[in-house]
N, C-alpha and C. Protein backbone atom coordinates (compact mmCIF):
# COMPACT_ATOMS: atom_id res chain seq x y z
N UNK A 1 -43.39 -6.75 -19.19
CA UNK A 1 -42.01 -6.73 -17.94
C UNK A 1 -40.94 -6.66 -18.62
N UNK A 2 -40.15 -5.43 -17.77
CA UNK A 2 -38.66 -5.22 -18.44
C UNK A 2 -38.03 -6.36 -18.07
N UNK A 3 -36.64 -6.17 -18.96
CA UNK A 3 -35.66 -6.93 -18.71
C UNK A 3 -35.16 -7.40 -17.35
N UNK A 4 -34.88 -6.29 -16.80
CA UNK A 4 -33.85 -6.18 -15.32
C UNK A 4 -34.82 -6.29 -14.49
N UNK A 5 -36.61 -6.71 -14.73
CA UNK A 5 -37.29 -6.64 -13.61
C UNK A 5 -36.98 -7.41 -12.36
N UNK A 6 -36.28 -8.81 -12.55
CA UNK A 6 -35.35 -9.40 -11.26
C UNK A 6 -34.86 -8.82 -10.87
N UNK A 7 -33.61 -8.31 -11.33
CA UNK A 7 -32.59 -7.53 -10.83
C UNK A 7 -32.93 -6.72 -9.56
N UNK A 8 -31.69 -6.95 -8.91
CA UNK A 8 -31.60 -5.88 -7.29
C UNK A 8 -30.62 -5.11 -7.49
N UNK A 9 -31.05 -3.58 -7.25
CA UNK A 9 -30.10 -2.79 -7.66
C UNK A 9 -29.20 -2.98 -6.22
N UNK A 10 -28.05 -2.42 -6.13
CA UNK A 10 -27.04 -2.65 -5.57
C UNK A 10 -27.22 -1.08 -4.54
N UNK A 11 -27.05 -1.16 -3.36
CA UNK A 11 -27.25 0.01 -2.11
C UNK A 11 -26.44 0.95 -2.55
N UNK A 12 -26.57 2.61 -2.88
CA UNK A 12 -25.54 3.40 -2.82
C UNK A 12 -24.25 3.54 -2.30
N UNK A 13 -24.41 2.84 -0.70
CA UNK A 13 -23.17 2.62 -0.07
C UNK A 13 -22.55 1.43 -0.15
N UNK A 14 -22.92 0.53 -0.98
CA UNK A 14 -22.09 -0.51 -1.32
C UNK A 14 -21.48 -0.05 -2.89
N UNK A 15 -22.33 0.88 -3.80
CA UNK A 15 -21.34 1.08 -4.62
C UNK A 15 -20.61 1.90 -4.56
N UNK A 16 -20.44 3.23 -3.47
CA UNK A 16 -19.64 4.03 -3.26
C UNK A 16 -18.19 3.17 -2.79
N UNK A 17 -18.26 2.01 -1.82
CA UNK A 17 -17.64 1.67 -1.33
C UNK A 17 -16.61 0.35 -2.29
N UNK A 18 -17.70 0.02 -3.03
CA UNK A 18 -16.61 -0.64 -4.44
C UNK A 18 -15.56 0.39 -5.27
N UNK A 19 -16.29 1.60 -5.51
CA UNK A 19 -15.93 2.77 -6.41
C UNK A 19 -14.23 2.98 -5.53
N UNK A 20 -14.57 3.15 -4.17
CA UNK A 20 -13.48 3.64 -3.71
C UNK A 20 -12.47 2.61 -3.36
N UNK A 21 -12.96 1.52 -2.76
CA UNK A 21 -11.75 0.56 -3.03
C UNK A 21 -11.17 -0.05 -4.18
N UNK A 22 -11.76 0.41 -5.53
CA UNK A 22 -11.29 0.44 -6.58
C UNK A 22 -9.88 1.53 -6.86
N UNK A 23 -10.44 2.71 -6.35
CA UNK A 23 -9.79 4.11 -6.70
C UNK A 23 -8.67 3.65 -5.57
N UNK A 24 -8.39 2.88 -4.74
CA UNK A 24 -7.52 2.73 -3.95
C UNK A 24 -6.50 1.48 -4.42
N UNK A 25 -7.13 0.64 -5.01
CA UNK A 25 -5.75 -0.08 -5.31
C UNK A 25 -5.50 0.09 -6.54
N UNK A 26 -6.40 0.97 -7.56
CA UNK A 26 -5.58 1.25 -8.55
C UNK A 26 -4.52 2.52 -8.09
N UNK A 27 -4.46 3.27 -7.26
CA UNK A 27 -3.52 4.22 -7.06
C UNK A 27 -2.63 3.74 -6.69
N UNK A 28 -2.35 2.23 -5.66
CA UNK A 28 -1.58 1.62 -5.08
C UNK A 28 -0.53 0.74 -6.75
N UNK A 29 -1.12 0.75 -7.54
CA UNK A 29 -0.47 0.27 -8.40
C UNK A 29 0.30 1.29 -8.99
N UNK A 30 -0.21 2.33 -9.35
CA UNK A 30 0.22 3.58 -9.77
C UNK A 30 1.42 3.92 -8.97
N UNK A 31 1.23 3.96 -7.68
CA UNK A 31 2.18 4.41 -6.53
C UNK A 31 3.28 3.21 -6.48
N UNK A 32 3.61 1.96 -6.91
CA UNK A 32 4.59 0.98 -7.08
C UNK A 32 5.04 1.20 -8.21
N UNK A 33 4.03 1.18 -9.04
CA UNK A 33 5.23 1.45 -10.81
C UNK A 33 5.85 2.35 -10.43
N UNK A 34 5.42 3.60 -10.46
CA UNK A 34 6.23 5.04 -9.99
C UNK A 34 7.29 4.60 -9.27
N UNK A 35 7.03 4.07 -8.21
CA UNK A 35 8.63 4.26 -6.55
C UNK A 35 9.30 2.90 -8.03
N UNK A 36 8.77 1.99 -8.23
CA UNK A 36 10.16 1.29 -8.97
C UNK A 36 10.60 2.02 -10.36
N UNK A 37 9.93 2.66 -10.77
CA UNK A 37 10.74 3.48 -11.77
C UNK A 37 11.60 4.53 -11.52
N UNK A 38 11.39 5.44 -10.35
CA UNK A 38 12.03 6.49 -10.00
C UNK A 38 12.12 6.92 -8.31
N UNK A 39 11.88 5.39 -7.82
CA UNK A 39 12.23 5.64 -6.30
C UNK A 39 11.73 6.93 -5.97
N UNK A 40 10.81 6.94 -6.58
CA UNK A 40 9.38 8.34 -5.44
C UNK A 40 8.32 7.85 -5.73
N UNK A 41 7.33 7.94 -4.71
CA UNK A 41 6.09 8.13 -4.72
C UNK A 41 5.17 9.44 -5.04
N UNK A 42 4.68 9.71 -5.62
CA UNK A 42 3.79 10.80 -6.14
C UNK A 42 2.51 10.77 -4.77
N UNK A 43 2.99 12.03 -4.24
CA UNK A 43 2.00 12.74 -2.79
C UNK A 43 0.31 12.16 -3.16
N UNK A 44 -0.02 12.71 -4.72
CA UNK A 44 -1.59 12.50 -5.20
C UNK A 44 -1.61 11.13 -5.05
N UNK A 45 -0.95 10.47 -5.07
CA UNK A 45 -1.16 8.86 -4.71
C UNK A 45 -1.75 8.68 -3.09
N UNK A 46 -0.97 8.81 -3.15
CA UNK A 46 -0.98 8.63 -0.85
C UNK A 46 -2.25 9.24 -0.75
N UNK A 47 -2.48 10.48 -1.47
CA UNK A 47 -3.43 11.50 -0.54
C UNK A 47 -4.74 10.95 -1.25
N UNK A 48 -4.98 10.40 -2.68
CA UNK A 48 -5.95 9.62 -3.22
C UNK A 48 -6.35 8.32 -2.20
N UNK A 49 -5.37 7.55 -1.84
CA UNK A 49 -5.95 6.17 -1.07
C UNK A 49 -6.06 7.20 0.13
N UNK A 50 -6.00 7.50 0.88
CA UNK A 50 -6.32 8.24 2.29
C UNK A 50 -7.32 8.87 2.12
N UNK A 51 -8.02 9.50 1.08
CA UNK A 51 -9.20 10.27 0.49
C UNK A 51 -10.40 9.18 0.22
N UNK A 52 -9.57 8.09 -0.15
CA UNK A 52 -10.63 6.92 -0.59
C UNK A 52 -10.96 6.13 0.61
N UNK A 53 -10.48 6.14 1.85
CA UNK A 53 -10.36 5.43 2.74
C UNK A 53 -11.38 5.97 3.32
N UNK A 54 -11.75 7.16 3.38
CA UNK A 54 -12.91 7.97 4.17
C UNK A 54 -14.07 7.38 3.88
N UNK A 55 -14.31 6.48 2.68
CA UNK A 55 -15.52 5.90 2.45
C UNK A 55 -15.95 4.92 3.21
N UNK A 56 -14.87 3.99 3.60
CA UNK A 56 -15.31 2.92 4.77
C UNK A 56 -15.04 3.42 5.84
N UNK A 57 -14.18 3.96 6.06
CA UNK A 57 -14.42 4.53 7.67
C UNK A 57 -15.71 4.84 8.44
N UNK A 58 -16.49 5.82 7.13
CA UNK A 58 -17.51 6.59 7.49
C UNK A 58 -18.31 5.73 7.81
N UNK A 59 -18.86 3.82 6.96
CA UNK A 59 -19.39 3.07 6.69
C UNK A 59 -19.51 1.88 7.96
N UNK A 60 -18.09 2.09 8.51
CA UNK A 60 -17.79 1.15 9.67
C UNK A 60 -18.57 1.96 10.96
N UNK A 61 -18.69 0.97 12.11
CA UNK A 61 -18.89 1.32 13.49
C UNK A 61 -18.16 2.00 14.00
N UNK A 62 -17.91 3.06 14.82
CA UNK A 62 -17.37 4.31 15.35
C UNK A 62 -15.79 3.22 15.93
N UNK A 63 -16.00 1.99 16.53
CA UNK A 63 -14.74 1.64 17.30
C UNK A 63 -13.98 1.33 16.34
N UNK A 64 -14.61 0.40 15.35
CA UNK A 64 -14.05 -0.06 13.98
C UNK A 64 -13.18 1.06 13.29
N UNK A 65 -14.05 1.83 12.86
CA UNK A 65 -13.43 3.44 12.41
C UNK A 65 -12.04 3.80 13.10
N UNK A 66 -12.18 3.63 14.70
CA UNK A 66 -11.26 4.32 15.64
C UNK A 66 -10.13 3.35 15.63
N UNK A 67 -10.02 2.25 15.62
CA UNK A 67 -9.11 0.91 15.45
C UNK A 67 -8.17 1.31 14.03
N UNK A 68 -8.80 1.51 13.05
CA UNK A 68 -8.39 1.85 12.00
C UNK A 68 -7.60 3.09 11.77
N UNK A 69 -7.86 3.66 12.49
CA UNK A 69 -7.14 5.31 12.36
C UNK A 69 -6.03 5.50 13.58
N UNK A 70 -6.21 4.12 14.81
CA UNK A 70 -4.99 3.91 15.56
C UNK A 70 -3.71 3.21 14.56
N UNK A 71 -4.40 2.29 13.90
CA UNK A 71 -3.68 1.34 13.01
C UNK A 71 -2.86 2.30 12.07
N UNK A 72 -3.46 3.42 11.36
CA UNK A 72 -2.66 4.00 10.55
C UNK A 72 -1.62 4.84 11.39
N UNK A 73 -1.94 5.49 12.52
CA UNK A 73 -0.75 6.48 12.68
C UNK A 73 0.11 6.03 13.65
N UNK A 74 0.37 4.45 14.28
CA UNK A 74 1.11 3.64 14.30
C UNK A 74 2.24 3.30 13.04
N UNK A 75 0.89 2.76 11.98
CA UNK A 75 2.35 2.50 10.89
C UNK A 75 3.02 3.51 10.48
N UNK A 76 2.39 5.17 10.09
CA UNK A 76 2.93 5.95 10.04
C UNK A 76 3.63 6.54 11.11
N UNK A 77 3.84 6.31 12.24
CA UNK A 77 4.97 6.79 13.18
C UNK A 77 5.92 5.93 13.32
N UNK A 78 5.89 4.77 12.91
CA UNK A 78 7.46 3.49 12.79
C UNK A 78 7.57 4.22 11.33
N UNK A 79 6.99 4.24 10.16
CA UNK A 79 7.51 5.18 9.46
C UNK A 79 8.66 6.22 9.50
N UNK A 80 8.08 7.34 10.08
CA UNK A 80 8.71 8.26 10.30
C UNK A 80 10.20 7.65 11.35
N UNK A 81 9.96 7.07 12.07
CA UNK A 81 11.19 6.56 12.50
C UNK A 81 11.85 6.04 12.08
N UNK A 82 11.64 5.22 10.88
CA UNK A 82 12.28 4.59 9.73
C UNK A 82 12.73 5.89 8.73
N UNK A 83 12.43 6.68 8.74
CA UNK A 83 12.92 7.66 7.82
C UNK A 83 14.22 8.84 8.65
N UNK A 84 13.57 9.00 9.81
CA UNK A 84 14.63 9.51 10.60
C UNK A 84 15.83 8.67 10.51
N UNK A 85 15.76 7.77 10.62
CA UNK A 85 16.93 6.48 10.46
C UNK A 85 17.78 6.54 8.92
N UNK A 86 16.88 6.86 8.33
CA UNK A 86 17.49 6.61 6.64
C UNK A 86 17.27 5.37 6.01
N UNK A 87 16.14 4.44 6.79
CA UNK A 87 15.50 3.01 6.21
C UNK A 87 14.81 3.62 5.38
N UNK A 88 13.74 4.36 4.95
CA UNK A 88 12.71 4.68 4.25
C UNK A 88 12.40 5.97 4.04
N UNK A 89 12.05 6.10 3.13
CA UNK A 89 11.79 7.38 1.68
C UNK A 89 10.28 7.90 2.65
N UNK A 90 10.55 9.27 2.82
CA UNK A 90 9.02 10.13 3.27
C UNK A 90 8.19 9.59 2.30
N UNK A 91 7.96 9.53 0.75
CA UNK A 91 6.74 9.23 0.19
C UNK A 91 6.70 7.42 0.62
N UNK A 92 7.42 6.51 0.96
CA UNK A 92 6.66 5.52 1.33
C UNK A 92 6.74 5.56 2.97
N UNK A 93 6.90 6.49 3.63
CA UNK A 93 6.02 6.94 5.32
C UNK A 93 4.23 7.63 4.91
N UNK A 94 4.75 7.91 3.99
CA UNK A 94 3.24 8.42 3.72
C UNK A 94 2.35 7.78 3.01
N UNK A 95 2.47 6.83 1.76
CA UNK A 95 2.04 5.57 1.55
C UNK A 95 1.67 4.50 2.38
N UNK A 96 2.42 4.26 3.32
CA UNK A 96 2.13 3.37 4.54
C UNK A 96 1.38 4.02 5.44
N UNK A 97 1.26 5.23 6.04
CA UNK A 97 -0.42 5.84 6.52
C UNK A 97 -1.21 5.94 5.89
N UNK A 98 -1.51 6.30 4.74
CA UNK A 98 -2.37 6.19 3.65
C UNK A 98 -3.02 4.89 3.68
N UNK A 99 -1.99 3.70 3.48
CA UNK A 99 -2.73 2.19 3.70
C UNK A 99 -3.30 1.81 4.44
N UNK A 100 -2.63 2.38 6.49
CA UNK A 100 -2.84 2.01 7.33
C UNK A 100 -4.58 2.46 7.58
N UNK A 101 -4.99 3.26 7.26
CA UNK A 101 -6.32 4.02 6.88
C UNK A 101 -7.55 2.64 6.58
N UNK A 102 -6.93 1.84 5.49
CA UNK A 102 -7.69 0.69 5.12
C UNK A 102 -7.85 -0.57 6.00
N UNK A 103 -6.83 -0.36 6.95
CA UNK A 103 -6.63 -1.53 7.64
C UNK A 103 -7.56 -1.56 9.26
N UNK A 104 -7.66 -2.88 9.32
CA UNK A 104 -8.07 -2.70 10.91
C UNK A 104 -7.36 -3.67 11.46
N UNK A 105 -7.41 -3.73 13.03
CA UNK A 105 -6.02 -4.99 13.65
C UNK A 105 -6.42 -6.02 13.18
N UNK A 106 -7.21 -6.52 13.06
CA UNK A 106 -6.81 -7.86 12.45
C UNK A 106 -6.29 -8.50 11.19
N UNK A 107 -6.61 -7.04 10.44
CA UNK A 107 -5.54 -6.82 8.79
C UNK A 107 -4.35 -6.71 8.99
N UNK A 108 -3.95 -6.10 9.63
CA UNK A 108 -2.45 -6.18 10.08
C UNK A 108 -1.67 -7.39 10.10
N UNK A 109 -1.60 -8.38 10.56
CA UNK A 109 -1.09 -9.56 10.19
C UNK A 109 -0.93 -9.99 8.55
N UNK A 110 -1.63 -9.68 7.95
CA UNK A 110 -2.10 -9.98 7.01
C UNK A 110 -1.49 -9.55 5.55
N UNK A 111 -1.07 -7.69 6.25
CA UNK A 111 -0.69 -6.93 5.43
C UNK A 111 0.72 -6.74 5.60
N UNK A 112 1.48 -7.22 6.58
CA UNK A 112 2.80 -7.15 7.37
C UNK A 112 3.16 -8.25 6.46
N UNK A 113 2.52 -9.73 6.54
CA UNK A 113 3.10 -11.06 5.78
C UNK A 113 3.50 -10.75 4.06
N UNK A 114 2.55 -10.17 3.79
CA UNK A 114 2.79 -9.61 2.50
C UNK A 114 3.63 -8.95 2.21
N UNK A 115 3.55 -7.73 2.88
CA UNK A 115 4.39 -7.35 2.73
C UNK A 115 6.27 -7.41 3.22
N UNK A 116 6.27 -8.42 3.88
CA UNK A 116 7.35 -8.92 4.44
C UNK A 116 7.95 -9.68 3.11
N UNK A 117 7.15 -10.54 2.49
CA UNK A 117 7.18 -11.39 1.31
C UNK A 117 7.50 -10.78 0.21
N UNK A 118 7.01 -9.61 -0.14
CA UNK A 118 6.84 -8.66 -1.13
C UNK A 118 8.74 -7.94 -0.74
N UNK A 119 8.97 -7.69 0.08
CA UNK A 119 10.07 -6.73 0.63
C UNK A 119 11.37 -8.13 0.62
N UNK A 120 10.86 -9.30 0.63
CA UNK A 120 12.48 -10.00 0.90
C UNK A 120 12.60 -10.34 -0.74
N UNK A 121 11.87 -10.53 -1.69
CA UNK A 121 11.62 -10.77 -2.92
C UNK A 121 12.47 -9.78 -3.87
N UNK A 122 12.14 -8.63 -3.40
CA UNK A 122 12.74 -7.27 -4.08
C UNK A 122 14.36 -7.13 -3.68
N UNK A 123 14.46 -8.00 -2.62
CA UNK A 123 16.04 -7.62 -1.54
C UNK A 123 16.55 -8.33 -2.65
N UNK A 124 16.06 -9.65 -2.62
CA UNK A 124 16.97 -10.38 -3.75
C UNK A 124 16.75 -10.11 -5.17
N UNK A 125 15.85 -9.55 -5.61
CA UNK A 125 15.93 -9.47 -7.26
C UNK A 125 17.29 -7.45 -7.19
N UNK A 126 16.48 -6.92 -6.70
CA UNK A 126 17.69 -5.26 -6.15
C UNK A 126 19.12 -6.13 -6.49
N UNK A 127 19.53 -6.61 -5.28
CA UNK A 127 20.64 -7.37 -5.15
C UNK A 127 21.71 -8.42 -6.29
N UNK A 128 20.58 -9.16 -7.14
CA UNK A 128 20.80 -9.75 -8.18
C UNK A 128 21.16 -8.59 -9.42
N UNK A 129 20.77 -7.82 -9.81
CA UNK A 129 20.70 -7.09 -10.59
C UNK A 129 21.72 -5.75 -10.62
N UNK A 130 22.26 -5.55 -9.11
CA UNK A 130 23.08 -4.71 -8.42
C UNK A 130 24.38 -5.49 -8.89
N UNK A 131 24.63 -7.01 -8.60
CA UNK A 131 25.74 -7.54 -8.99
C UNK A 131 25.91 -7.86 -10.57
N UNK A 132 24.82 -7.71 -11.00
CA UNK A 132 24.52 -8.09 -12.68
C UNK A 132 25.41 -6.78 -13.37
N UNK A 133 24.70 -5.65 -12.68
CA UNK A 133 25.43 -4.29 -13.60
C UNK A 133 26.63 -3.89 -13.25
N UNK A 134 26.87 -4.63 -11.98
CA UNK A 134 28.40 -4.16 -11.32
C UNK A 134 29.41 -5.11 -12.39
N UNK A 135 29.31 -6.14 -12.80
CA UNK A 135 29.93 -7.07 -13.52
C UNK A 135 30.04 -6.44 -15.26
N UNK A 136 28.67 -6.51 -15.61
CA UNK A 136 28.76 -5.60 -16.75
C UNK A 136 29.59 -4.35 -16.75
N UNK A 137 29.51 -3.39 -15.78
CA UNK A 137 30.31 -2.43 -16.03
C UNK A 137 31.76 -2.75 -15.70
N UNK A 138 31.93 -3.95 -15.02
CA UNK A 138 33.77 -4.24 -15.09
C UNK A 138 34.22 -3.54 -13.77
N UNK A 139 33.23 -3.30 -12.53
CA UNK A 139 33.51 -2.86 -11.53
C UNK A 139 33.42 -3.93 -10.47
N UNK A 140 34.41 -4.60 -10.07
CA UNK A 140 34.53 -5.75 -9.23
C UNK A 140 34.53 -5.24 -7.79
N UNK A 141 35.06 -3.67 -7.61
CA UNK A 141 35.42 -3.25 -6.22
C UNK A 141 33.70 -2.43 -5.61
N UNK A 142 33.30 -3.40 -4.83
CA UNK A 142 31.61 -2.60 -4.31
C UNK A 142 31.44 -1.32 -4.14
N UNK A 143 32.88 -0.86 -3.70
CA UNK A 143 32.95 0.40 -2.91
C UNK A 143 32.58 1.17 -4.16
N UNK A 144 33.02 0.93 -5.04
CA UNK A 144 32.97 2.03 -6.45
C UNK A 144 31.41 2.05 -7.23
N UNK A 145 30.55 0.99 -7.03
CA UNK A 145 29.38 1.38 -6.87
C UNK A 145 28.68 1.92 -6.39
N UNK A 146 27.91 2.52 -6.56
CA UNK A 146 26.61 3.37 -5.50
C UNK A 146 25.21 1.98 -5.19
N UNK A 147 25.39 2.49 -3.61
CA UNK A 147 24.26 1.44 -2.97
C UNK A 147 23.21 1.44 -3.52
N UNK A 148 22.66 0.47 -4.11
CA UNK A 148 21.29 -0.15 -4.37
C UNK A 148 20.03 -0.22 -3.56
N UNK A 149 19.25 0.71 -3.93
CA UNK A 149 18.00 1.34 -3.02
C UNK A 149 16.82 0.36 -3.37
N UNK A 150 16.12 0.53 -2.42
CA UNK A 150 15.23 -0.70 -2.28
C UNK A 150 13.44 0.31 -2.43
N UNK A 151 13.10 -0.23 -3.46
CA UNK A 151 11.54 0.69 -3.64
C UNK A 151 10.63 0.07 -2.75
N UNK A 152 10.66 0.21 -1.24
CA UNK A 152 9.42 -0.29 -0.15
C UNK A 152 8.18 0.24 -0.59
N UNK A 153 7.85 1.26 -1.54
CA UNK A 153 6.32 1.73 -1.97
C UNK A 153 5.65 0.47 -2.56
N UNK A 154 6.39 -0.51 -3.26
CA UNK A 154 6.31 -1.65 -3.83
C UNK A 154 5.58 -2.68 -3.14
N UNK A 155 6.25 -3.11 -1.77
CA UNK A 155 5.64 -3.63 -1.07
C UNK A 155 4.55 -3.53 0.12
N UNK A 156 4.54 -1.99 0.16
CA UNK A 156 3.67 -1.37 0.81
C UNK A 156 2.64 -1.71 0.18
N UNK A 157 2.36 -1.41 -1.18
CA UNK A 157 1.26 -1.53 -2.21
C UNK A 157 1.14 -2.90 -2.24
N UNK A 158 1.86 -3.75 -2.30
CA UNK A 158 1.38 -5.29 -2.53
C UNK A 158 0.81 -5.71 -0.93
N UNK A 159 1.30 -5.05 -0.15
CA UNK A 159 0.54 -5.51 1.03
C UNK A 159 -1.33 -4.95 1.33
N UNK A 160 -1.02 -3.68 0.77
CA UNK A 160 -2.32 -3.01 0.65
C UNK A 160 -3.26 -3.56 -0.40
N UNK A 161 -2.91 -4.10 -1.33
CA UNK A 161 -3.81 -4.73 -2.45
C UNK A 161 -4.08 -6.29 -1.38
N UNK A 162 -3.24 -6.71 -1.09
CA UNK A 162 -3.61 -7.86 -0.67
C UNK A 162 -4.87 -7.83 0.37
N UNK A 163 -4.61 -6.73 1.26
CA UNK A 163 -5.61 -6.83 1.84
C UNK A 163 -7.21 -6.55 1.42
N UNK A 164 -6.83 -5.61 0.50
CA UNK A 164 -8.19 -5.00 -0.13
C UNK A 164 -8.55 -6.38 -1.13
N UNK A 165 -8.00 -7.36 -1.57
CA UNK A 165 -8.68 -8.64 -2.32
C UNK A 165 -9.19 -9.12 -0.99
N UNK A 166 -8.22 -9.50 -0.14
CA UNK A 166 -8.61 -10.87 1.10
C UNK A 166 -9.81 -10.09 1.80
N UNK A 167 -9.86 -9.30 2.66
CA UNK A 167 -10.60 -8.64 3.53
C UNK A 167 -12.03 -7.59 3.03
N UNK A 168 -11.94 -7.31 1.80
CA UNK A 168 -12.97 -6.32 1.08
C UNK A 168 -14.41 -6.41 1.72
N UNK A 169 -14.65 -7.87 2.17
CA UNK A 169 -16.12 -7.97 2.95
C UNK A 169 -15.54 -7.43 4.31
N UNK A 170 -14.81 -7.30 4.80
CA UNK A 170 -14.78 -6.60 6.28
C UNK A 170 -14.54 -4.88 6.02
N UNK A 171 -14.42 -4.59 4.87
CA UNK A 171 -14.67 -2.84 4.56
C UNK A 171 -16.05 -2.78 4.59
N UNK A 172 -17.37 -3.49 3.90
CA UNK A 172 -18.41 -3.30 4.25
C UNK A 172 -18.89 -2.99 5.40
N UNK A 173 -20.35 -2.42 5.66
CA UNK A 173 -20.87 -1.76 6.82
C UNK A 173 -21.05 -3.49 7.76
N UNK A 174 -21.20 -3.15 8.95
CA UNK A 174 -21.72 -4.23 9.35
C UNK A 174 -22.95 -4.35 10.10
């Protein structure tokens, strides 16, 4: 009798789903780190996240897949509006659309909650850092100091990872 005679092989679809989810999570971490370091999100990271989403989209029933496409479209559209008003960078918008492909409508509240908490934390940290740098450089006049920027990609990535971690079972075929 062989050593793994009692084990059951995972179906190919489940392995592919796990691999695409792990890839998306890794690319979200890369996007967040890149945004934090240089305030840009590599297009390849967003493209990879979007391409990885094709696996769960293909495994879901058609109405669920279409709902995810709708969520992604709405998030991307809202991001475009924010970009138009200078509130968000283009990389953030692309990342938001890519993450949206992983979301079903019922995942949206978790995504937005994690993103909001992360954004608020980032605001406090960026403002404290900015204040410290201003004092260190001896610039008491706030107008003389460049306006701090917020790495929204970090918050988007956190929301995406939160959904992937908590709702990974929803990504499996029904």
